[in-house]
Amino acid sequence: MQRPKIDQDIKPLSEIRTGIADFIKQVHDTKRPVIITQHGESVAVLLDAHEYEAMQEKIELITDIQASINQLEKGAGISHKDAKEKVLKRVLK
């Protein structure tokens, strides 16, 4: 996902209401989110569906990595050799 451009991607709700199709096209074409404001404060973000899905996958991966790091720090890890043997046993079944 591209970073939002302040001068192009922050829009008041009133503009979104009148031109939602244009903003959906903008998000799709630029791969940048549109930040929606109400009374001068950000209240929502309009994202391309594929970009949102990619973000969710990245969050899941980072969460899994952090869980693995926590397990290793607690001594719950296994050696590379043991891990390789377990994987090969499953694959070669």
PDB file of N, CA and C in Angstrom:
ATOM      1  N   MET A   1       0.842  -1.174   0.000  1.00  0.00           N
ATOM      2  CA  MET A   1       0.000   0.000   0.000  1.00  0.00           C
ATOM      3  C   MET A   1       0.889   1.238   0.000  1.00  0.00           C
ATOM      4  N   GLN A   2       0.525   2.172  -0.817  1.00  0.00           N
ATOM      5  CA  GLN A   2       1.244   3.439  -0.884  1.00  0.00           C
ATOM      6  C   GLN A   2       0.839   4.321   0.305  1.00  0.00           C
ATOM      7  N   ARG A   3       1.751   5.188   0.706  1.00  0.00           N
ATOM      8  CA  ARG A   3       1.425   6.140   1.772  1.00  0.00           C
ATOM      9  C   ARG A   3       0.477   7.200   1.222  1.00  0.00           C
ATOM     10  N   PRO A   4      -0.449   7.673   2.059  1.00  0.00           N
ATOM     11  CA  PRO A   4      -1.357   8.724   1.584  1.00  0.00           C
ATOM     12  C   PRO A   4      -0.612  10.023   1.322  1.00  0.00           C
ATOM     13  N   LYS A   5      -1.090  10.756   0.340  1.00  0.00           N
ATOM     14  CA  LYS A   5      -0.571  12.097   0.073  1.00  0.00           C
ATOM     15  C   LYS A   5      -1.536  13.082   0.735  1.00  0.00           C
ATOM     16  N   ILE A   6      -1.007  13.857   1.652  1.00  0.00           N
ATOM     17  CA  ILE A   6      -1.815  14.739   2.488  1.00  0.00           C
ATOM     18  C   ILE A   6      -2.724  15.641   1.647  1.00  0.00           C
ATOM     19  N   ASP A   7      -2.196  16.190   0.576  1.00  0.00           N
ATOM     20  CA  ASP A   7      -2.972  17.138  -0.220  1.00  0.00           C
ATOM     21  C   ASP A   7      -3.998  16.470  -1.134  1.00  0.00           C
ATOM     22  N   GLN A   8      -3.929  15.151  -1.305  1.00  0.00           N
ATOM     23  CA  GLN A   8      -4.838  14.466  -2.225  1.00  0.00           C
ATOM     24  C   GLN A   8      -5.732  13.428  -1.548  1.00  0.00           C
ATOM     25  N   ASP A   9      -5.327  12.897  -0.424  1.00  0.00           N
ATOM     26  CA  ASP A   9      -5.993  11.718   0.121  1.00  0.00           C
ATOM     27  C   ASP A   9      -6.713  11.927   1.445  1.00  0.00           C
ATOM     28  N   ILE A  10      -6.847  13.152   1.887  1.00  0.00           N
ATOM     29  CA  ILE A  10      -7.633  13.443   3.086  1.00  0.00           C
ATOM     30  C   ILE A  10      -8.854  14.234   2.631  1.00  0.00           C
ATOM     31  N   LYS A  11     -10.029  13.644   2.861  1.00  0.00           N
ATOM     32  CA  LYS A  11     -11.262  14.241   2.337  1.00  0.00           C
ATOM     33  C   LYS A  11     -12.331  14.310   3.416  1.00  0.00           C
ATOM     34  N   PRO A  12     -13.093  15.402   3.421  1.00  0.00           N
ATOM     35  CA  PRO A  12     -14.205  15.484   4.372  1.00  0.00           C
ATOM     36  C   PRO A  12     -15.344  14.555   3.961  1.00  0.00           C
ATOM     37  N   LEU A  13     -16.089  14.103   4.927  1.00  0.00           N
ATOM     38  CA  LEU A  13     -17.205  13.202   4.687  1.00  0.00           C
ATOM     39  C   LEU A  13     -18.187  13.778   3.674  1.00  0.00           C
ATOM     40  N   SER A  14     -18.401  15.068   3.696  1.00  0.00           N
ATOM     41  CA  SER A  14     -19.346  15.689   2.755  1.00  0.00           C
ATOM     42  C   SER A  14     -18.918  15.444   1.306  1.00  0.00           C
ATOM     43  N   GLU A  15     -17.613  15.492   1.015  1.00  0.00           N
ATOM     44  CA  GLU A  15     -17.127  15.201  -0.340  1.00  0.00           C
ATOM     45  C   GLU A  15     -17.286  13.724  -0.679  1.00  0.00           C
ATOM     46  N   ILE A  16     -17.045  12.870   0.292  1.00  0.00           N
ATOM     47  CA  ILE A  16     -17.173  11.431   0.076  1.00  0.00           C
ATOM     48  C   ILE A  16     -18.617  11.091  -0.277  1.00  0.00           C
ATOM     49  N   ARG A  17     -19.553  11.667   0.454  1.00  0.00           N
ATOM     50  CA  ARG A  17     -20.974  11.392   0.208  1.00  0.00           C
ATOM     51  C   ARG A  17     -21.362  11.708  -1.230  1.00  0.00           C
ATOM     52  N   THR A  18     -20.877  12.803  -1.760  1.00  0.00           N
ATOM     53  CA  THR A  18     -21.309  13.229  -3.098  1.00  0.00           C
ATOM     54  C   THR A  18     -20.516  12.580  -4.227  1.00  0.00           C
ATOM     55  N   GLY A  19     -19.352  11.998  -3.919  1.00  0.00           N
ATOM     56  CA  GLY A  19     -18.539  11.441  -4.994  1.00  0.00           C
ATOM     57  C   GLY A  19     -17.899  10.115  -4.656  1.00  0.00           C
ATOM     58  N   ILE A  20     -18.627   9.236  -3.966  1.00  0.00           N
ATOM     59  CA  ILE A  20     -18.032   7.988  -3.495  1.00  0.00           C
ATOM     60  C   ILE A  20     -17.443   7.170  -4.633  1.00  0.00           C
ATOM     61  N   ALA A  21     -18.097   7.094  -5.771  1.00  0.00           N
ATOM     62  CA  ALA A  21     -17.578   6.297  -6.895  1.00  0.00           C
ATOM     63  C   ALA A  21     -16.213   6.819  -7.340  1.00  0.00           C
ATOM     64  N   ASP A  22     -16.049   8.124  -7.362  1.00  0.00           N
ATOM     65  CA  ASP A  22     -14.759   8.710  -7.751  1.00  0.00           C
ATOM     66  C   ASP A  22     -13.663   8.348  -6.751  1.00  0.00           C
ATOM     67  N   PHE A  23     -14.006   8.346  -5.472  1.00  0.00           N
ATOM     68  CA  PHE A  23     -13.004   8.030  -4.451  1.00  0.00           C
ATOM     69  C   PHE A  23     -12.653   6.542  -4.444  1.00  0.00           C
ATOM     70  N   ILE A  24     -13.629   5.702  -4.722  1.00  0.00           N
ATOM     71  CA  ILE A  24     -13.336   4.273  -4.840  1.00  0.00           C
ATOM     72  C   ILE A  24     -12.397   4.045  -6.018  1.00  0.00           C
ATOM     73  N   LYS A  25     -12.640   4.720  -7.134  1.00  0.00           N
ATOM     74  CA  LYS A  25     -11.748   4.611  -8.304  1.00  0.00           C
ATOM     75  C   LYS A  25     -10.358   5.128  -7.960  1.00  0.00           C
ATOM     76  N   GLN A  26     -10.279   6.242  -7.242  1.00  0.00           N
ATOM     77  CA  GLN A  26      -8.983   6.806  -6.843  1.00  0.00           C
ATOM     78  C   GLN A  26      -8.198   5.808  -5.996  1.00  0.00           C
ATOM     79  N   VAL A  27      -8.857   5.215  -5.019  1.00  0.00           N
ATOM     80  CA  VAL A  27      -8.205   4.243  -4.142  1.00  0.00           C
ATOM     81  C   VAL A  27      -7.721   3.042  -4.954  1.00  0.00           C
ATOM     82  N   HIS A  28      -8.568   2.574  -5.855  1.00  0.00           N
ATOM     83  CA  HIS A  28      -8.206   1.426  -6.686  1.00  0.00           C
ATOM     84  C   HIS A  28      -7.015   1.755  -7.591  1.00  0.00           C
ATOM     85  N   ASP A  29      -7.049   2.912  -8.233  1.00  0.00           N
ATOM     86  CA  ASP A  29      -6.001   3.302  -9.190  1.00  0.00           C
ATOM     87  C   ASP A  29      -4.668   3.621  -8.516  1.00  0.00           C
ATOM     88  N   THR A  30      -4.710   4.322  -7.390  1.00  0.00           N
ATOM     89  CA  THR A  30      -3.473   4.789  -6.757  1.00  0.00           C
ATOM     90  C   THR A  30      -2.915   3.809  -5.729  1.00  0.00           C
ATOM     91  N   LYS A  31      -3.766   2.905  -5.259  1.00  0.00           N
ATOM     92  CA  LYS A  31      -3.402   1.971  -4.170  1.00  0.00           C
ATOM     93  C   LYS A  31      -3.099   2.721  -2.875  1.00  0.00           C
ATOM     94  N   ARG A  32      -3.550   3.975  -2.798  1.00  0.00           N
ATOM     95  CA  ARG A  32      -3.396   4.767  -1.580  1.00  0.00           C
ATOM     96  C   ARG A  32      -4.751   4.856  -0.880  1.00  0.00           C
ATOM     97  N   PRO A  33      -4.757   4.841   0.441  1.00  0.00           N
ATOM     98  CA  PRO A  33      -6.026   4.998   1.157  1.00  0.00           C
ATOM     99  C   PRO A  33      -6.519   6.440   1.102  1.00  0.00           C
ATOM    100  N   VAL A  34      -7.804   6.620   1.279  1.00  0.00           N
ATOM    101  CA  VAL A  34      -8.380   7.947   1.445  1.00  0.00           C
ATOM    102  C   VAL A  34      -8.804   8.052   2.906  1.00  0.00           C
ATOM    103  N   ILE A  35      -8.331   9.075   3.556  1.00  0.00           N
ATOM    104  CA  ILE A  35      -8.666   9.308   4.962  1.00  0.00           C
ATOM    105  C   ILE A  35      -9.880  10.230   4.993  1.00  0.00           C
ATOM    106  N   ILE A  36     -10.922   9.775   5.659  1.00  0.00           N
ATOM    107  CA  ILE A  36     -12.174  10.520   5.707  1.00  0.00           C
ATOM    108  C   ILE A  36     -12.242  11.272   7.027  1.00  0.00           C
ATOM    109  N   THR A  37     -12.544  12.569   6.917  1.00  0.00           N
ATOM    110  CA  THR A  37     -12.632  13.398   8.120  1.00  0.00           C
ATOM    111  C   THR A  37     -14.060  13.845   8.358  1.00  0.00           C
ATOM    112  N   GLN A  38     -14.340  14.136   9.614  1.00  0.00           N
ATOM    113  CA  GLN A  38     -15.632  14.693  10.002  1.00  0.00           C
ATOM    114  C   GLN A  38     -15.347  15.740  11.064  1.00  0.00           C
ATOM    115  N   HIS A  39     -15.806  16.933  10.826  1.00  0.00           N
ATOM    116  CA  HIS A  39     -15.545  18.066  11.733  1.00  0.00           C
ATOM    117  C   HIS A  39     -14.043  18.247  11.953  1.00  0.00           C
ATOM    118  N   GLY A  40     -13.268  18.032  10.900  1.00  0.00           N
ATOM    119  CA  GLY A  40     -11.828  18.267  10.947  1.00  0.00           C
ATOM    120  C   GLY A  40     -10.998  17.161  11.570  1.00  0.00           C
ATOM    121  N   GLU A  41     -11.620  16.063  11.966  1.00  0.00           N
ATOM    122  CA  GLU A  41     -10.877  14.955  12.574  1.00  0.00           C
ATOM    123  C   GLU A  41     -11.049  13.696  11.753  1.00  0.00           C
ATOM    124  N   SER A  42      -9.994  12.906  11.651  1.00  0.00           N
ATOM    125  CA  SER A  42     -10.088  11.665  10.892  1.00  0.00           C
ATOM    126  C   SER A  42     -11.016  10.687  11.610  1.00  0.00           C
ATOM    127  N   VAL A  43     -11.919  10.048  10.814  1.00  0.00           N
ATOM    128  CA  VAL A  43     -12.893   9.132  11.408  1.00  0.00           C
ATOM    129  C   VAL A  43     -12.897   7.762  10.723  1.00  0.00           C
ATOM    130  N   ALA A  44     -12.374   7.683   9.488  1.00  0.00           N
ATOM    131  CA  ALA A  44     -12.400   6.405   8.770  1.00  0.00           C
ATOM    132  C   ALA A  44     -11.361   6.433   7.666  1.00  0.00           C
ATOM    133  N   VAL A  45     -11.082   5.235   7.138  1.00  0.00           N
ATOM    134  CA  VAL A  45     -10.129   5.100   6.042  1.00  0.00           C
ATOM    135  C   VAL A  45     -10.767   4.218   4.974  1.00  0.00           C
ATOM    136  N   LEU A  46     -10.717   4.675   3.740  1.00  0.00           N
ATOM    137  CA  LEU A  46     -11.217   3.904   2.605  1.00  0.00           C
ATOM    138  C   LEU A  46     -10.015   3.247   1.934  1.00  0.00           C
ATOM    139  N   LEU A  47     -10.026   1.895   1.892  1.00  0.00           N
ATOM    140  CA  LEU A  47      -8.901   1.136   1.340  1.00  0.00           C
ATOM    141  C   LEU A  47      -9.349   0.269   0.178  1.00  0.00           C
ATOM    142  N   ASP A  48      -8.440   0.001  -0.744  1.00  0.00           N
ATOM    143  CA  ASP A  48      -8.664  -0.990  -1.776  1.00  0.00           C
ATOM    144  C   ASP A  48      -8.779  -2.357  -1.094  1.00  0.00           C
ATOM    145  N   ALA A  49      -9.717  -3.182  -1.517  1.00  0.00           N
ATOM    146  CA  ALA A  49      -9.955  -4.474  -0.867  1.00  0.00           C
ATOM    147  C   ALA A  49      -8.716  -5.362  -0.897  1.00  0.00           C
ATOM    148  N   HIS A  50      -7.996  -5.377  -2.015  1.00  0.00           N
ATOM    149  CA  HIS A  50      -6.797  -6.211  -2.109  1.00  0.00           C
ATOM    150  C   HIS A  50      -5.686  -5.692  -1.192  1.00  0.00           C
ATOM    151  N   GLU A  51      -5.578  -4.383  -1.077  1.00  0.00           N
ATOM    152  CA  GLU A  51      -4.589  -3.793  -0.181  1.00  0.00           C
ATOM    153  C   GLU A  51      -4.927  -4.130   1.271  1.00  0.00           C
ATOM    154  N   TYR A  52      -6.212  -4.102   1.608  1.00  0.00           N
ATOM    155  CA  TYR A  52      -6.640  -4.450   2.961  1.00  0.00           C
ATOM    156  C   TYR A  52      -6.293  -5.909   3.262  1.00  0.00           C
ATOM    157  N   GLU A  53      -6.574  -6.793   2.316  1.00  0.00           N
ATOM    158  CA  GLU A  53      -6.269  -8.210   2.501  1.00  0.00           C
ATOM    159  C   GLU A  53      -4.769  -8.428   2.687  1.00  0.00           C
ATOM    160  N   ALA A  54      -3.958  -7.751   1.885  1.00  0.00           N
ATOM    161  CA  ALA A  54      -2.501  -7.865   2.006  1.00  0.00           C
ATOM    162  C   ALA A  54      -2.039  -7.370   3.380  1.00  0.00           C
ATOM    163  N   MET A  55      -2.641  -6.292   3.866  1.00  0.00           N
ATOM    164  CA  MET A  55      -2.303  -5.773   5.195  1.00  0.00           C
ATOM    165  C   MET A  55      -2.616  -6.794   6.275  1.00  0.00           C
ATOM    166  N   GLN A  56      -3.776  -7.439   6.169  1.00  0.00           N
ATOM    167  CA  GLN A  56      -4.164  -8.438   7.150  1.00  0.00           C
ATOM    168  C   GLN A  56      -3.190  -9.611   7.157  1.00  0.00           C
ATOM    169  N   GLU A  57      -2.763 -10.043   5.973  1.00  0.00           N
ATOM    170  CA  GLU A  57      -1.796 -11.140   5.886  1.00  0.00           C
ATOM    171  C   GLU A  57      -0.470 -10.762   6.528  1.00  0.00           C
ATOM    172  N   LYS A  58      -0.031  -9.524   6.306  1.00  0.00           N
ATOM    173  CA  LYS A  58       1.221  -9.067   6.909  1.00  0.00           C
ATOM    174  C   LYS A  58       1.108  -9.014   8.435  1.00  0.00           C
ATOM    175  N   ILE A  59      -0.035  -8.561   8.926  1.00  0.00           N
ATOM    176  CA  ILE A  59      -0.248  -8.508  10.378  1.00  0.00           C
ATOM    177  C   ILE A  59      -0.207  -9.911  10.967  1.00  0.00           C
ATOM    178  N   GLU A  60      -0.849 -10.865  10.298  1.00  0.00           N
ATOM    179  CA  GLU A  60      -0.839 -12.247  10.778  1.00  0.00           C
ATOM    180  C   GLU A  60       0.587 -12.806  10.809  1.00  0.00           C
ATOM    181  N   LEU A  61       1.359 -12.522   9.767  1.00  0.00           N
ATOM    182  CA  LEU A  61       2.740 -13.000   9.706  1.00  0.00           C
ATOM    183  C   LEU A  61       3.573 -12.398  10.832  1.00  0.00           C
ATOM    184  N   ILE A  62       3.451 -11.105  11.041  1.00  0.00           N
ATOM    185  CA  ILE A  62       4.202 -10.438  12.104  1.00  0.00           C
ATOM    186  C   ILE A  62       3.797 -10.988  13.473  1.00  0.00           C
ATOM    187  N   THR A  63       2.503 -11.243  13.655  1.00  0.00           N
ATOM    188  CA  THR A  63       2.022 -11.818  14.914  1.00  0.00           C
ATOM    189  C   THR A  63       2.623 -13.200  15.135  1.00  0.00           C
ATOM    190  N   ASP A  64       2.664 -14.017  14.074  1.00  0.00           N
ATOM    191  CA  ASP A  64       3.258 -15.353  14.176  1.00  0.00           C
ATOM    192  C   ASP A  64       4.752 -15.277  14.502  1.00  0.00           C
ATOM    193  N   ILE A  65       5.435 -14.352  13.865  1.00  0.00           N
ATOM    194  CA  ILE A  65       6.874 -14.187  14.130  1.00  0.00           C
ATOM    195  C   ILE A  65       7.099 -13.784  15.583  1.00  0.00           C
ATOM    196  N   GLN A  66       6.285 -12.846  16.076  1.00  0.00           N
ATOM    197  CA  GLN A  66       6.438 -12.407  17.468  1.00  0.00           C
ATOM    198  C   GLN A  66       6.152 -13.551  18.429  1.00  0.00           C
ATOM    199  N   ALA A  67       5.141 -14.364  18.133  1.00  0.00           N
ATOM    200  CA  ALA A  67       4.837 -15.518  18.985  1.00  0.00           C
ATOM    201  C   ALA A  67       6.014 -16.488  18.994  1.00  0.00           C
ATOM    202  N   SER A  68       6.638 -16.690  17.837  1.00  0.00           N
ATOM    203  CA  SER A  68       7.803 -17.578  17.750  1.00  0.00           C
ATOM    204  C   SER A  68       8.976 -17.035  18.564  1.00  0.00           C
ATOM    205  N   ILE A  69       9.206 -15.746  18.457  1.00  0.00           N
ATOM    206  CA  ILE A  69      10.287 -15.117  19.230  1.00  0.00           C
ATOM    207  C   ILE A  69      10.034 -15.289  20.724  1.00  0.00           C
ATOM    208  N   ASN A  70       8.794 -15.077  21.143  1.00  0.00           N
ATOM    209  CA  ASN A  70       8.449 -15.249  22.559  1.00  0.00           C
ATOM    210  C   ASN A  70       8.690 -16.679  23.019  1.00  0.00           C
ATOM    211  N   GLN A  71       8.325 -17.658  22.177  1.00  0.00           N
ATOM    212  CA  GLN A  71       8.549 -19.063  22.523  1.00  0.00           C
ATOM    213  C   GLN A  71      10.038 -19.362  22.639  1.00  0.00           C
ATOM    214  N   LEU A  72      10.831 -18.848  21.706  1.00  0.00           N
ATOM    215  CA  LEU A  72      12.275 -19.078  21.754  1.00  0.00           C
ATOM    216  C   LEU A  72      12.892 -18.466  23.009  1.00  0.00           C
ATOM    217  N   GLU A  73      12.435 -17.272  23.364  1.00  0.00           N
ATOM    218  CA  GLU A  73      12.956 -16.612  24.559  1.00  0.00           C
ATOM    219  C   GLU A  73      12.628 -17.395  25.826  1.00  0.00           C
ATOM    220  N   LYS A  74      11.552 -18.165  25.791  1.00  0.00           N
ATOM    221  CA  LYS A  74      11.158 -18.975  26.945  1.00  0.00           C
ATOM    222  C   LYS A  74      11.758 -20.378  26.884  1.00  0.00           C
ATOM    223  N   GLY A  75      12.617 -20.613  25.900  1.00  0.00           N
ATOM    224  CA  GLY A  75      13.267 -21.911  25.780  1.00  0.00           C
ATOM    225  C   GLY A  75      12.388 -22.993  25.178  1.00  0.00           C
ATOM    226  N   ALA A  76      11.329 -22.615  24.519  1.00  0.00           N
ATOM    227  CA  ALA A  76      10.395 -23.593  23.963  1.00  0.00           C
ATOM    228  C   ALA A  76      10.738 -23.988  22.524  1.00  0.00           C
ATOM    229  N   GLY A  77      11.835 -23.488  21.989  1.00  0.00           N
ATOM    230  CA  GLY A  77      12.202 -23.797  20.613  1.00  0.00           C
ATOM    231  C   GLY A  77      12.860 -25.155  20.477  1.00  0.00           C
ATOM    232  N   ILE A  78      13.025 -25.595  19.235  1.00  0.00           N
ATOM    233  CA  ILE A  78      13.740 -26.845  18.958  1.00  0.00           C
ATOM    234  C   ILE A  78      14.875 -26.546  17.996  1.00  0.00           C
ATOM    235  N   SER A  79      15.832 -27.454  17.932  1.00  0.00           N
ATOM    236  CA  SER A  79      16.991 -27.224  17.067  1.00  0.00           C
ATOM    237  C   SER A  79      16.591 -27.315  15.599  1.00  0.00           C
ATOM    238  N   HIS A  80      17.420 -26.747  14.760  1.00  0.00           N
ATOM    239  CA  HIS A  80      17.182 -26.794  13.318  1.00  0.00           C
ATOM    240  C   HIS A  80      17.127 -28.237  12.835  1.00  0.00           C
ATOM    241  N   LYS A  81      18.029 -29.055  13.345  1.00  0.00           N
ATOM    242  CA  LYS A  81      18.090 -30.459  12.953  1.00  0.00           C
ATOM    243  C   LYS A  81      16.777 -31.174  13.286  1.00  0.00           C
ATOM    244  N   ASP A  82      16.265 -30.967  14.496  1.00  0.00           N
ATOM    245  CA  ASP A  82      15.014 -31.605  14.906  1.00  0.00           C
ATOM    246  C   ASP A  82      13.833 -31.096  14.076  1.00  0.00           C
ATOM    247  N   ALA A  83      13.818 -29.805  13.818  1.00  0.00           N
ATOM    248  CA  ALA A  83      12.738 -29.228  13.007  1.00  0.00           C
ATOM    249  C   ALA A  83      12.761 -29.805  11.595  1.00  0.00           C
ATOM    250  N   LYS A  84      13.952 -29.904  11.023  1.00  0.00           N
ATOM    251  CA  LYS A  84      14.092 -30.452   9.676  1.00  0.00           C
ATOM    252  C   LYS A  84      13.607 -31.901   9.628  1.00  0.00           C
ATOM    253  N   GLU A  85      13.959 -32.689  10.619  1.00  0.00           N
ATOM    254  CA  GLU A  85      13.521 -34.088  10.673  1.00  0.00           C
ATOM    255  C   GLU A  85      11.998 -34.191  10.754  1.00  0.00           C
ATOM    256  N   LYS A  86      11.373 -33.362  11.578  1.00  0.00           N
ATOM    257  CA  LYS A  86       9.917 -33.382  11.696  1.00  0.00           C
ATOM    258  C   LYS A  86       9.244 -33.031  10.372  1.00  0.00           C
ATOM    259  N   VAL A  87       9.760 -32.007   9.710  1.00  0.00           N
ATOM    260  CA  VAL A  87       9.182 -31.587   8.434  1.00  0.00           C
ATOM    261  C   VAL A  87       9.350 -32.689   7.391  1.00  0.00           C
ATOM    262  N   LEU A  88      10.521 -33.257   7.308  1.00  0.00           N
ATOM    263  CA  LEU A  88      10.767 -34.300   6.317  1.00  0.00           C
ATOM    264  C   LEU A  88       9.889 -35.535   6.572  1.00  0.00           C
ATOM    265  N   LYS A  89       9.666 -35.890   7.821  1.00  0.00           N
ATOM    266  CA  LYS A  89       8.791 -37.018   8.129  1.00  0.00           C
ATOM    267  C   LYS A  89       7.379 -36.766   7.615  1.00  0.00           C
ATOM    268  N   ARG A  90       6.894 -35.559   7.787  1.00  0.00           N
ATOM    269  CA  ARG A  90       5.548 -35.215   7.327  1.00  0.00           C
ATOM    270  C   ARG A  90       5.468 -35.189   5.807  1.00  0.00           C
ATOM    271  N   VAL A  91       6.476 -34.648   5.176  1.00  0.00           N
ATOM    272  CA  VAL A  91       6.479 -34.517   3.712  1.00  0.00           C
ATOM    273  C   VAL A  91       6.630 -35.881   3.037  1.00  0.00           C
ATOM    274  N   LEU A  92       7.427 -36.745   3.607  1.00  0.00           N
ATOM    275  CA  LEU A  92       7.732 -38.028   2.977  1.00  0.00           C
ATOM    276  C   LEU A  92       6.707 -39.121   3.288  1.00  0.00           C
ATOM    277  N   LYS A  93       5.683 -38.816   4.055  1.00  0.00           N
ATOM    278  CA  LYS A  93       4.653 -39.818   4.373  1.00  0.00           C
ATOM    279  C   LYS A  93       3.886 -40.216   3.139  1.00  0.00           C
TER     280      LYS A  93
END
